[in-house]
Protein backbone atom coordinates (compact mmCIF):
# COMPACT_ATOMS: atom_id res chain seq x y z
CA MET A 1 -0.14 -0.11 0.09
CA ALA A 2 2.94 2.30 0.53
CA ASP A 3 3.88 2.32 -3.19
CA LYS A 4 0.43 3.37 -4.43
CA GLN A 5 0.39 7.29 -5.16
CA ILE A 6 -2.90 9.21 -4.10
CA SER A 7 -4.05 11.54 -7.12
CA LEU A 8 -4.25 15.38 -6.51
CA PRO A 9 -8.17 15.61 -6.78
CA ALA A 10 -8.63 12.86 -4.21
CA LYS A 11 -6.18 14.66 -1.95
CA LEU A 12 -8.12 17.98 -2.31
CA ILE A 13 -11.43 16.15 -1.65
CA ASN A 14 -9.97 14.40 1.35
CA GLY A 15 -8.37 17.82 2.62
CA GLY A 16 -11.62 19.68 2.32
CA VAL A 17 -13.79 17.07 3.69
CA ALA A 18 -11.25 17.05 6.87
CA GLY A 19 -11.59 20.77 7.11
CA LEU A 20 -15.52 20.93 7.01
CA ILE A 21 -15.51 18.21 9.67
CA GLY A 22 -12.80 20.18 11.74
CA VAL A 23 -14.96 23.39 11.51
CA THR A 24 -18.34 21.63 12.20
CA CYS A 25 -16.88 20.11 15.34
CA VAL A 26 -14.71 22.89 16.88
CA PHE A 27 -16.85 25.94 15.90
CA PRO A 28 -19.55 25.38 18.53
CA ILE A 29 -17.01 24.82 21.42
CA ASP A 30 -14.96 27.93 20.34
CA LEU A 31 -18.33 29.95 20.36
CA ALA A 32 -19.18 28.76 23.88
CA LYS A 33 -15.42 29.55 25.19
CA THR A 34 -15.98 33.12 23.67
CA ARG A 35 -19.42 33.67 25.22
CA LEU A 36 -18.13 32.47 28.80
CA GLN A 37 -14.98 34.68 28.41
CA ASN A 38 -17.30 37.68 27.46
CA GLN A 39 -19.38 37.36 30.42
CA GLN A 40 -19.38 40.43 32.95
CA ASN A 41 -18.77 39.45 36.62
CA GLY A 42 -21.94 40.73 37.98
CA SER A 43 -24.29 39.15 35.45
CA ARG A 44 -23.24 35.64 34.50
CA LEU A 45 -25.62 34.02 32.02
CA TYR A 46 -23.81 30.93 31.61
CA THR A 47 -22.56 28.51 34.19
CA SER A 48 -20.54 25.88 32.12
CA MET A 49 -19.78 25.01 28.51
CA SER A 50 -22.54 22.74 28.19
CA ASP A 51 -25.02 25.12 29.72
CA CYS A 52 -23.85 27.65 27.19
CA LEU A 53 -24.46 25.21 24.27
CA ILE A 54 -27.99 24.05 25.53
CA LYS A 55 -28.93 27.74 26.03
CA THR A 56 -27.81 28.75 22.66
CA ILE A 57 -29.65 25.81 20.94
CA ARG A 58 -32.78 26.69 22.87
CA SER A 59 -32.83 30.48 21.97
CA GLU A 60 -31.06 30.62 18.47
CA GLY A 61 -31.73 27.13 17.19
CA TYR A 62 -29.09 24.55 16.20
CA PHE A 63 -27.68 26.69 13.52
CA GLY A 64 -27.16 29.65 16.11
CA MET A 65 -23.92 27.58 17.21
CA TYR A 66 -22.41 28.41 13.74
CA ARG A 67 -23.19 32.16 13.68
CA GLY A 68 -20.31 33.81 12.30
CA THR A 69 -18.79 30.93 10.54
CA PHE A 70 -18.91 32.59 7.14
CA MET A 71 -17.10 35.58 8.20
CA TRP A 72 -14.49 33.47 10.15
CA LEU A 73 -13.89 31.67 6.95
CA ILE A 74 -13.36 34.92 4.79
CA VAL A 75 -11.03 36.56 7.49
CA ASN A 76 -8.83 33.15 7.81
CA LYS A 77 -8.64 32.38 4.07
CA GLU A 78 -5.00 32.35 4.35
CA LEU A 79 -4.90 29.50 6.66
CA ILE A 80 -7.68 27.67 4.70
CA CYS A 81 -5.88 27.85 1.21
CA GLU A 82 -2.39 26.82 2.12
């Protein structure tokens, strides 16, 4: 199996799928982290990361966890297109 070459289109497709899965899994966690960090000391809306994700899903729906993804992809296009 080591002597078999993988074609360029196959590498591009595999890399795209891996990137998509990575963003899909990591972005909600990063959103919860950011919301927890941005809380003011006097008014804590979230108690934990899971509490933040549950409240986000209830108030904004499932796709609320991916709010800002498109802009993140535009800003970080240099990282994506390397």
